[in-house]
């Protein structure tokens, strides 16, 4: 599936104008509380980096197509579908967040208690299923768009990784 490009200007520190105002308004939808002044200064850059991190984007502070699309969607974009036998850094990302996120606040038990090794095995699948169940999602153990969206609501945990 090919992603639709928005054909928006690429913005970064020092940019100015209507496109920056649009960016600031979009960020404010996510409660960043930016002044909408059309100036891409350090405050705007910090908010962009935070948004990017919590939506699994490269948090470089540059607003390119992926960041624009995530801002409009309110969800991560272009994330891979992960399932049993998937490997790599993105699997580690899921394992890290699920190891920090507790499924039972009374017992303080995290979703994932295995090794953060980048291997999507039974333990990772079980953790994803439990997270999906607690998030009201179909419990198929696969990291698809809806599960990525739900997990992005806890993307702030990446600050602890």
N, C-alpha and C. Protein backbone atom coordinates (compact mmCIF):
# COMPACT_ATOMS: atom_id res chain seq x y z
N UNK A 1 0.85 -1.17 0.00
CA UNK A 1 0.00 0.00 0.00
C UNK A 1 0.89 1.24 0.00
N UNK A 2 0.62 2.18 -0.85
CA UNK A 2 1.40 3.40 -0.96
C UNK A 2 0.71 4.50 -0.17
N UNK A 3 1.50 5.21 0.63
CA UNK A 3 0.96 6.30 1.43
C UNK A 3 0.69 7.50 0.54
N UNK A 4 -0.36 8.22 0.84
CA UNK A 4 -0.69 9.43 0.11
C UNK A 4 0.17 10.57 0.64
N UNK A 5 0.85 11.26 -0.26
CA UNK A 5 1.67 12.39 0.13
C UNK A 5 0.79 13.63 0.26
N UNK A 6 1.06 14.43 1.27
CA UNK A 6 0.28 15.65 1.48
C UNK A 6 0.82 16.84 0.70
N UNK A 7 2.06 16.76 0.25
CA UNK A 7 2.70 17.84 -0.51
C UNK A 7 2.71 19.16 0.27
N UNK A 8 3.10 19.05 1.53
CA UNK A 8 3.24 20.22 2.39
C UNK A 8 4.70 20.63 2.41
N UNK A 9 4.92 21.88 2.72
CA UNK A 9 6.29 22.38 2.84
C UNK A 9 7.00 21.67 3.98
N UNK A 10 8.28 21.39 3.81
CA UNK A 10 9.10 20.87 4.89
C UNK A 10 9.48 22.04 5.78
N UNK A 11 9.24 21.88 7.07
CA UNK A 11 9.49 22.96 8.03
C UNK A 11 10.54 22.54 9.04
N UNK A 12 11.30 23.51 9.50
CA UNK A 12 12.28 23.26 10.55
C UNK A 12 12.56 24.57 11.27
N UNK A 13 13.42 24.49 12.27
CA UNK A 13 13.76 25.67 13.07
C UNK A 13 14.11 26.84 12.15
N UNK A 14 13.48 27.97 12.40
CA UNK A 14 13.71 29.18 11.60
C UNK A 14 12.66 29.43 10.53
N UNK A 15 11.86 28.39 10.20
CA UNK A 15 10.80 28.59 9.20
C UNK A 15 9.78 29.58 9.74
N UNK A 16 9.10 30.28 8.82
CA UNK A 16 8.07 31.24 9.22
C UNK A 16 6.94 31.21 8.21
N UNK A 17 5.77 31.66 8.65
CA UNK A 17 4.66 31.83 7.73
C UNK A 17 3.43 31.01 8.07
N UNK A 18 2.52 30.98 7.09
CA UNK A 18 1.22 30.31 7.27
C UNK A 18 1.37 28.82 7.55
N UNK A 19 2.34 28.17 6.90
CA UNK A 19 2.52 26.73 7.11
C UNK A 19 2.93 26.45 8.56
N UNK A 20 3.72 27.34 9.14
CA UNK A 20 4.11 27.18 10.54
C UNK A 20 2.90 27.40 11.44
N UNK A 21 2.06 28.37 11.10
CA UNK A 21 0.82 28.57 11.88
C UNK A 21 -0.03 27.31 11.83
N UNK A 22 -0.15 26.70 10.65
CA UNK A 22 -0.93 25.47 10.51
C UNK A 22 -0.32 24.37 11.40
N UNK A 23 1.00 24.26 11.38
CA UNK A 23 1.69 23.28 12.21
C UNK A 23 1.38 23.53 13.69
N UNK A 24 1.49 24.76 14.12
CA UNK A 24 1.24 25.09 15.52
C UNK A 24 -0.20 24.79 15.91
N UNK A 25 -1.14 25.06 15.03
CA UNK A 25 -2.54 24.74 15.31
C UNK A 25 -2.74 23.23 15.43
N UNK A 26 -2.09 22.48 14.54
CA UNK A 26 -2.20 21.02 14.61
C UNK A 26 -1.59 20.50 15.91
N UNK A 27 -0.43 21.01 16.29
CA UNK A 27 0.19 20.58 17.54
C UNK A 27 -0.70 20.91 18.74
N UNK A 28 -1.38 22.04 18.67
CA UNK A 28 -2.26 22.43 19.77
C UNK A 28 -3.47 21.51 19.91
N UNK A 29 -3.82 20.77 18.84
CA UNK A 29 -4.87 19.75 18.95
C UNK A 29 -4.45 18.66 19.93
N UNK A 30 -3.14 18.53 20.11
CA UNK A 30 -2.59 17.52 21.01
C UNK A 30 -2.12 18.14 22.32
N UNK A 31 -2.67 19.32 22.62
CA UNK A 31 -2.50 20.00 23.91
C UNK A 31 -1.08 20.50 24.18
N UNK A 32 -0.42 20.98 23.14
CA UNK A 32 0.92 21.53 23.35
C UNK A 32 0.90 22.98 23.81
N UNK A 33 -0.18 23.70 23.60
CA UNK A 33 -0.30 25.06 24.11
C UNK A 33 0.66 26.06 23.50
N UNK A 34 0.94 25.89 22.22
CA UNK A 34 1.85 26.81 21.53
C UNK A 34 1.14 28.11 21.13
N UNK A 35 1.86 29.22 21.17
CA UNK A 35 1.29 30.42 20.55
C UNK A 35 1.31 30.20 19.03
N UNK A 36 0.24 30.57 18.37
CA UNK A 36 0.16 30.43 16.92
C UNK A 36 0.64 31.75 16.32
N UNK A 37 1.97 31.82 16.15
CA UNK A 37 2.58 33.06 15.69
C UNK A 37 3.31 32.92 14.35
N UNK A 38 3.32 31.70 13.79
CA UNK A 38 3.96 31.50 12.50
C UNK A 38 5.47 31.48 12.54
N UNK A 39 6.05 31.37 13.73
CA UNK A 39 7.51 31.35 13.88
C UNK A 39 7.93 30.00 14.46
N UNK A 40 8.75 29.26 13.72
CA UNK A 40 9.22 27.95 14.14
C UNK A 40 10.48 28.16 14.99
N UNK A 41 10.23 28.44 16.28
CA UNK A 41 11.33 28.66 17.21
C UNK A 41 11.60 27.42 18.04
N UNK A 42 12.33 27.60 19.13
CA UNK A 42 12.73 26.46 19.95
C UNK A 42 11.54 25.79 20.63
N UNK A 43 10.52 26.55 21.00
CA UNK A 43 9.35 25.94 21.63
C UNK A 43 8.62 25.04 20.63
N UNK A 44 8.39 25.55 19.44
CA UNK A 44 7.75 24.74 18.40
C UNK A 44 8.60 23.52 18.08
N UNK A 45 9.90 23.71 17.97
CA UNK A 45 10.79 22.58 17.67
C UNK A 45 10.70 21.50 18.76
N UNK A 46 10.69 21.91 20.01
CA UNK A 46 10.58 20.95 21.11
C UNK A 46 9.27 20.18 21.06
N UNK A 47 8.19 20.86 20.73
CA UNK A 47 6.88 20.20 20.62
C UNK A 47 6.87 19.23 19.45
N UNK A 48 7.48 19.62 18.33
CA UNK A 48 7.56 18.73 17.17
C UNK A 48 8.34 17.48 17.54
N UNK A 49 9.49 17.65 18.20
CA UNK A 49 10.31 16.49 18.60
C UNK A 49 9.54 15.57 19.54
N UNK A 50 8.82 16.14 20.48
CA UNK A 50 8.02 15.33 21.39
C UNK A 50 6.95 14.55 20.64
N UNK A 51 6.23 15.23 19.75
CA UNK A 51 5.20 14.57 18.96
C UNK A 51 5.80 13.45 18.13
N UNK A 52 6.93 13.73 17.50
CA UNK A 52 7.58 12.71 16.67
C UNK A 52 7.97 11.49 17.50
N UNK A 53 8.56 11.70 18.65
CA UNK A 53 8.97 10.58 19.49
C UNK A 53 7.78 9.73 19.90
N UNK A 54 6.73 10.37 20.36
CA UNK A 54 5.57 9.62 20.85
C UNK A 54 4.76 8.98 19.74
N UNK A 55 5.04 9.35 18.48
CA UNK A 55 4.34 8.74 17.34
C UNK A 55 5.29 7.91 16.49
N UNK A 56 6.41 7.51 17.11
CA UNK A 56 7.36 6.57 16.52
C UNK A 56 8.00 7.08 15.23
N UNK A 57 8.23 8.38 15.17
CA UNK A 57 8.91 9.00 14.04
C UNK A 57 10.33 9.39 14.47
N UNK A 58 11.18 9.61 13.52
CA UNK A 58 12.51 10.13 13.83
C UNK A 58 12.33 11.51 14.44
N UNK A 59 12.75 11.68 15.69
CA UNK A 59 12.48 12.96 16.36
C UNK A 59 13.63 13.94 16.12
N UNK A 60 13.66 14.42 14.87
CA UNK A 60 14.70 15.34 14.42
C UNK A 60 14.22 16.79 14.41
N UNK A 61 12.94 17.02 14.70
CA UNK A 61 12.42 18.38 14.70
C UNK A 61 12.10 18.92 13.32
N UNK A 62 12.29 18.12 12.30
CA UNK A 62 11.99 18.54 10.92
C UNK A 62 10.62 17.98 10.55
N UNK A 63 9.74 18.86 10.10
CA UNK A 63 8.37 18.46 9.76
C UNK A 63 8.31 18.18 8.27
N UNK A 64 8.46 16.91 7.94
CA UNK A 64 8.34 16.46 6.57
C UNK A 64 7.01 15.74 6.39
N UNK A 65 6.90 15.00 5.31
CA UNK A 65 5.64 14.36 4.97
C UNK A 65 5.11 13.42 6.05
N UNK A 66 5.98 12.57 6.61
CA UNK A 66 5.50 11.63 7.63
C UNK A 66 4.96 12.36 8.85
N UNK A 67 5.65 13.39 9.29
CA UNK A 67 5.17 14.13 10.46
C UNK A 67 3.86 14.83 10.15
N UNK A 68 3.75 15.45 8.98
CA UNK A 68 2.48 16.09 8.60
C UNK A 68 1.34 15.06 8.64
N UNK A 69 1.58 13.88 8.02
CA UNK A 69 0.52 12.87 7.97
C UNK A 69 0.15 12.38 9.36
N UNK A 70 1.13 12.21 10.24
CA UNK A 70 0.84 11.77 11.62
C UNK A 70 0.06 12.85 12.37
N UNK A 71 0.40 14.11 12.13
CA UNK A 71 -0.33 15.21 12.78
C UNK A 71 -1.80 15.21 12.35
N UNK A 72 -2.04 15.03 11.07
CA UNK A 72 -3.42 15.00 10.59
C UNK A 72 -4.16 13.75 11.03
N UNK A 73 -3.46 12.61 11.07
CA UNK A 73 -4.10 11.35 11.43
C UNK A 73 -4.27 11.20 12.93
N UNK A 74 -3.42 11.86 13.69
CA UNK A 74 -3.44 11.68 15.14
C UNK A 74 -2.96 10.29 15.53
N UNK A 75 -2.16 9.70 14.67
CA UNK A 75 -1.71 8.32 14.87
C UNK A 75 -0.40 8.11 14.13
N UNK A 76 0.34 7.08 14.52
CA UNK A 76 1.56 6.76 13.77
C UNK A 76 1.23 6.41 12.32
N UNK A 77 2.16 6.67 11.43
CA UNK A 77 1.98 6.35 10.01
C UNK A 77 3.15 5.50 9.54
N UNK A 78 2.90 4.71 8.52
CA UNK A 78 3.92 3.89 7.87
C UNK A 78 4.59 2.89 8.81
N UNK A 79 3.87 2.45 9.82
CA UNK A 79 4.44 1.46 10.74
C UNK A 79 4.29 0.07 10.13
N UNK A 80 5.28 -0.78 10.35
CA UNK A 80 5.19 -2.13 9.79
C UNK A 80 4.20 -2.97 10.57
N UNK A 81 3.64 -3.96 9.91
CA UNK A 81 2.83 -4.95 10.60
C UNK A 81 3.81 -5.95 11.20
N UNK A 82 3.71 -6.13 12.52
CA UNK A 82 4.59 -7.06 13.21
C UNK A 82 3.77 -8.22 13.73
N UNK A 83 4.36 -9.40 13.60
CA UNK A 83 3.70 -10.62 14.09
C UNK A 83 4.78 -11.63 14.44
N UNK A 84 4.35 -12.78 14.90
CA UNK A 84 5.27 -13.84 15.29
C UNK A 84 6.30 -14.03 14.20
N UNK A 85 7.55 -14.09 14.58
CA UNK A 85 8.74 -14.28 13.76
C UNK A 85 9.29 -12.96 13.19
N UNK A 86 8.62 -11.82 13.43
CA UNK A 86 9.21 -10.53 13.05
C UNK A 86 10.43 -10.29 13.93
N UNK A 87 11.40 -9.54 13.41
CA UNK A 87 12.61 -9.24 14.17
C UNK A 87 13.02 -7.80 13.91
N UNK A 88 13.87 -7.28 14.77
CA UNK A 88 14.48 -5.99 14.52
C UNK A 88 14.22 -4.94 15.58
N UNK A 89 14.67 -3.73 15.26
CA UNK A 89 14.58 -2.61 16.19
C UNK A 89 13.14 -2.22 16.51
N UNK A 90 12.23 -2.37 15.54
CA UNK A 90 10.84 -2.00 15.79
C UNK A 90 10.20 -2.97 16.78
N UNK A 91 10.60 -4.22 16.74
CA UNK A 91 10.12 -5.19 17.73
C UNK A 91 10.65 -4.79 19.11
N UNK A 92 11.91 -4.36 19.18
CA UNK A 92 12.47 -3.90 20.45
C UNK A 92 11.68 -2.71 21.00
N UNK A 93 11.28 -1.82 20.11
CA UNK A 93 10.48 -0.67 20.51
C UNK A 93 9.20 -1.13 21.20
N UNK A 94 8.50 -2.09 20.59
CA UNK A 94 7.26 -2.63 21.17
C UNK A 94 7.56 -3.30 22.50
N UNK A 95 8.60 -4.11 22.55
CA UNK A 95 8.96 -4.81 23.78
C UNK A 95 9.30 -3.81 24.90
N UNK A 96 10.03 -2.76 24.56
CA UNK A 96 10.38 -1.75 25.56
C UNK A 96 9.15 -1.08 26.14
N UNK A 97 8.25 -0.63 25.29
CA UNK A 97 7.06 0.07 25.79
C UNK A 97 6.21 -0.89 26.62
N UNK A 98 6.01 -2.11 26.12
CA UNK A 98 5.16 -3.05 26.85
C UNK A 98 5.82 -3.55 28.13
N UNK A 99 7.13 -3.41 28.24
CA UNK A 99 7.79 -3.78 29.50
C UNK A 99 7.67 -2.67 30.54
N UNK A 100 7.40 -1.46 30.10
CA UNK A 100 7.22 -0.33 31.02
C UNK A 100 5.75 -0.08 31.36
N UNK A 101 4.86 -0.59 30.55
CA UNK A 101 3.43 -0.34 30.70
C UNK A 101 2.81 -1.46 31.53
N UNK A 102 2.16 -1.11 32.63
CA UNK A 102 1.56 -2.14 33.48
C UNK A 102 0.14 -2.44 33.05
N UNK A 103 -0.18 -3.74 33.02
CA UNK A 103 -1.53 -4.15 32.64
C UNK A 103 -2.43 -4.24 33.84
N UNK A 104 -1.85 -4.42 35.01
CA UNK A 104 -2.63 -4.56 36.24
C UNK A 104 -2.03 -3.60 37.27
N UNK A 105 -2.71 -2.50 37.49
CA UNK A 105 -2.17 -1.48 38.40
C UNK A 105 -2.14 -1.93 39.85
N UNK A 106 -2.91 -2.93 40.19
CA UNK A 106 -2.89 -3.43 41.56
C UNK A 106 -1.65 -4.29 41.80
N UNK A 107 -1.27 -5.08 40.81
CA UNK A 107 -0.12 -5.96 40.97
C UNK A 107 1.13 -5.38 40.31
N UNK A 108 1.01 -4.28 39.60
CA UNK A 108 2.12 -3.62 38.92
C UNK A 108 2.85 -4.57 37.96
N UNK A 109 2.09 -5.41 37.31
CA UNK A 109 2.66 -6.37 36.37
C UNK A 109 2.69 -5.77 34.97
N UNK A 110 3.89 -5.73 34.36
CA UNK A 110 3.97 -5.19 33.00
C UNK A 110 3.40 -6.19 31.99
N UNK A 111 3.07 -5.68 30.82
CA UNK A 111 2.60 -6.56 29.75
C UNK A 111 3.70 -7.52 29.31
N UNK A 112 4.90 -7.00 29.17
CA UNK A 112 5.99 -7.81 28.65
C UNK A 112 7.05 -7.97 29.72
N UNK A 113 7.42 -9.20 30.02
CA UNK A 113 8.43 -9.44 31.04
C UNK A 113 9.64 -10.20 30.48
N UNK A 114 9.67 -10.41 29.19
CA UNK A 114 10.78 -11.12 28.56
C UNK A 114 11.96 -10.21 28.29
N UNK A 115 12.96 -10.76 27.64
CA UNK A 115 14.14 -10.01 27.26
C UNK A 115 13.82 -9.13 26.05
N UNK A 116 14.32 -7.90 26.08
CA UNK A 116 14.15 -6.98 24.95
C UNK A 116 15.23 -7.36 23.94
N UNK A 117 14.85 -8.27 23.03
CA UNK A 117 15.82 -8.86 22.12
C UNK A 117 15.49 -8.66 20.65
N UNK A 118 14.35 -8.03 20.36
CA UNK A 118 13.98 -7.81 18.97
C UNK A 118 13.41 -9.02 18.26
N UNK A 119 13.07 -10.06 19.02
CA UNK A 119 12.49 -11.27 18.45
C UNK A 119 11.02 -11.36 18.87
N UNK A 120 10.13 -11.34 17.91
CA UNK A 120 8.69 -11.37 18.18
C UNK A 120 8.26 -12.82 18.34
N UNK A 121 8.44 -13.32 19.55
CA UNK A 121 8.09 -14.69 19.86
C UNK A 121 6.80 -14.78 20.65
N UNK A 122 6.61 -15.90 21.33
CA UNK A 122 5.38 -16.15 22.09
C UNK A 122 5.17 -15.11 23.18
N UNK A 123 6.23 -14.75 23.91
CA UNK A 123 6.08 -13.78 25.00
C UNK A 123 5.64 -12.42 24.47
N UNK A 124 6.20 -11.99 23.36
CA UNK A 124 5.82 -10.70 22.77
C UNK A 124 4.38 -10.77 22.26
N UNK A 125 4.04 -11.85 21.59
CA UNK A 125 2.68 -12.02 21.09
C UNK A 125 1.67 -12.00 22.24
N UNK A 126 1.98 -12.69 23.33
CA UNK A 126 1.08 -12.70 24.49
C UNK A 126 0.93 -11.31 25.09
N UNK A 127 2.04 -10.56 25.15
CA UNK A 127 1.98 -9.20 25.68
C UNK A 127 1.12 -8.31 24.80
N UNK A 128 1.28 -8.44 23.49
CA UNK A 128 0.48 -7.65 22.55
C UNK A 128 -0.99 -8.02 22.69
N UNK A 129 -1.29 -9.30 22.81
CA UNK A 129 -2.68 -9.73 22.97
C UNK A 129 -3.30 -9.14 24.24
N UNK A 130 -2.56 -9.17 25.33
CA UNK A 130 -3.07 -8.61 26.59
C UNK A 130 -3.30 -7.11 26.46
N UNK A 131 -2.35 -6.42 25.80
CA UNK A 131 -2.50 -4.99 25.57
C UNK A 131 -3.72 -4.71 24.69
N UNK A 132 -3.89 -5.50 23.64
CA UNK A 132 -5.05 -5.34 22.76
C UNK A 132 -6.35 -5.55 23.53
N UNK A 133 -6.39 -6.58 24.33
CA UNK A 133 -7.61 -6.86 25.10
C UNK A 133 -7.95 -5.70 26.03
N UNK A 134 -6.94 -5.19 26.75
CA UNK A 134 -7.18 -4.07 27.67
C UNK A 134 -7.48 -2.76 26.94
N UNK A 135 -7.14 -2.70 25.65
CA UNK A 135 -7.40 -1.50 24.85
C UNK A 135 -8.69 -1.61 24.04
N UNK A 136 -9.43 -2.72 24.19
CA UNK A 136 -10.68 -2.92 23.47
C UNK A 136 -10.47 -3.22 21.99
N UNK A 137 -9.35 -3.81 21.65
CA UNK A 137 -9.04 -4.14 20.26
C UNK A 137 -9.19 -5.64 20.03
N UNK A 138 -9.32 -6.06 18.77
CA UNK A 138 -9.30 -7.49 18.49
C UNK A 138 -7.96 -8.07 18.98
N UNK A 139 -8.01 -9.21 19.64
CA UNK A 139 -6.81 -9.79 20.25
C UNK A 139 -6.19 -10.84 19.33
N UNK A 140 -5.52 -10.35 18.29
CA UNK A 140 -4.88 -11.26 17.35
C UNK A 140 -3.37 -11.36 17.54
N UNK A 141 -2.81 -10.56 18.43
CA UNK A 141 -1.38 -10.61 18.69
C UNK A 141 -0.52 -9.97 17.62
N UNK A 142 -1.14 -9.30 16.66
CA UNK A 142 -0.44 -8.65 15.56
C UNK A 142 -0.41 -7.14 15.78
N UNK A 143 0.75 -6.54 15.58
CA UNK A 143 0.88 -5.09 15.66
C UNK A 143 0.50 -4.49 14.31
N UNK A 144 -0.76 -4.11 14.18
CA UNK A 144 -1.25 -3.44 12.99
C UNK A 144 -1.57 -1.99 13.31
N UNK A 145 -2.21 -1.30 12.38
CA UNK A 145 -2.48 0.13 12.54
C UNK A 145 -3.21 0.48 13.83
N UNK A 146 -4.27 -0.26 14.15
CA UNK A 146 -5.06 0.08 15.35
C UNK A 146 -4.25 -0.13 16.63
N UNK A 147 -3.42 -1.17 16.64
CA UNK A 147 -2.61 -1.43 17.83
C UNK A 147 -1.49 -0.40 17.95
N UNK A 148 -0.88 -0.02 16.82
CA UNK A 148 0.12 1.05 16.85
C UNK A 148 -0.50 2.35 17.38
N UNK A 149 -1.71 2.66 16.93
CA UNK A 149 -2.38 3.87 17.39
C UNK A 149 -2.58 3.83 18.90
N UNK A 150 -3.08 2.70 19.40
CA UNK A 150 -3.31 2.57 20.85
C UNK A 150 -1.97 2.67 21.60
N UNK A 151 -0.93 2.05 21.07
CA UNK A 151 0.37 2.08 21.74
C UNK A 151 0.96 3.48 21.73
N UNK A 152 0.66 4.28 20.70
CA UNK A 152 1.22 5.64 20.64
C UNK A 152 0.70 6.51 21.78
N UNK A 153 -0.42 6.16 22.35
CA UNK A 153 -0.93 6.91 23.49
C UNK A 153 -0.02 6.74 24.71
N UNK A 154 0.88 5.77 24.63
CA UNK A 154 1.84 5.52 25.70
C UNK A 154 3.27 5.75 25.21
N UNK A 155 3.40 6.40 24.07
CA UNK A 155 4.71 6.64 23.47
C UNK A 155 5.63 7.47 24.35
N UNK A 156 5.05 8.23 25.29
CA UNK A 156 5.86 9.02 26.22
C UNK A 156 6.81 8.12 27.00
N UNK A 157 6.49 6.84 27.13
CA UNK A 157 7.36 5.92 27.86
C UNK A 157 8.71 5.76 27.20
N UNK A 158 8.82 6.14 25.93
CA UNK A 158 10.10 6.05 25.23
C UNK A 158 11.14 6.98 25.86
N UNK A 159 10.68 7.97 26.62
CA UNK A 159 11.63 8.84 27.32
C UNK A 159 12.37 8.06 28.40
N UNK A 160 11.83 6.93 28.82
CA UNK A 160 12.45 6.12 29.88
C UNK A 160 13.29 4.98 29.32
N UNK A 161 13.30 4.82 28.00
CA UNK A 161 14.06 3.73 27.38
C UNK A 161 15.47 4.18 27.09
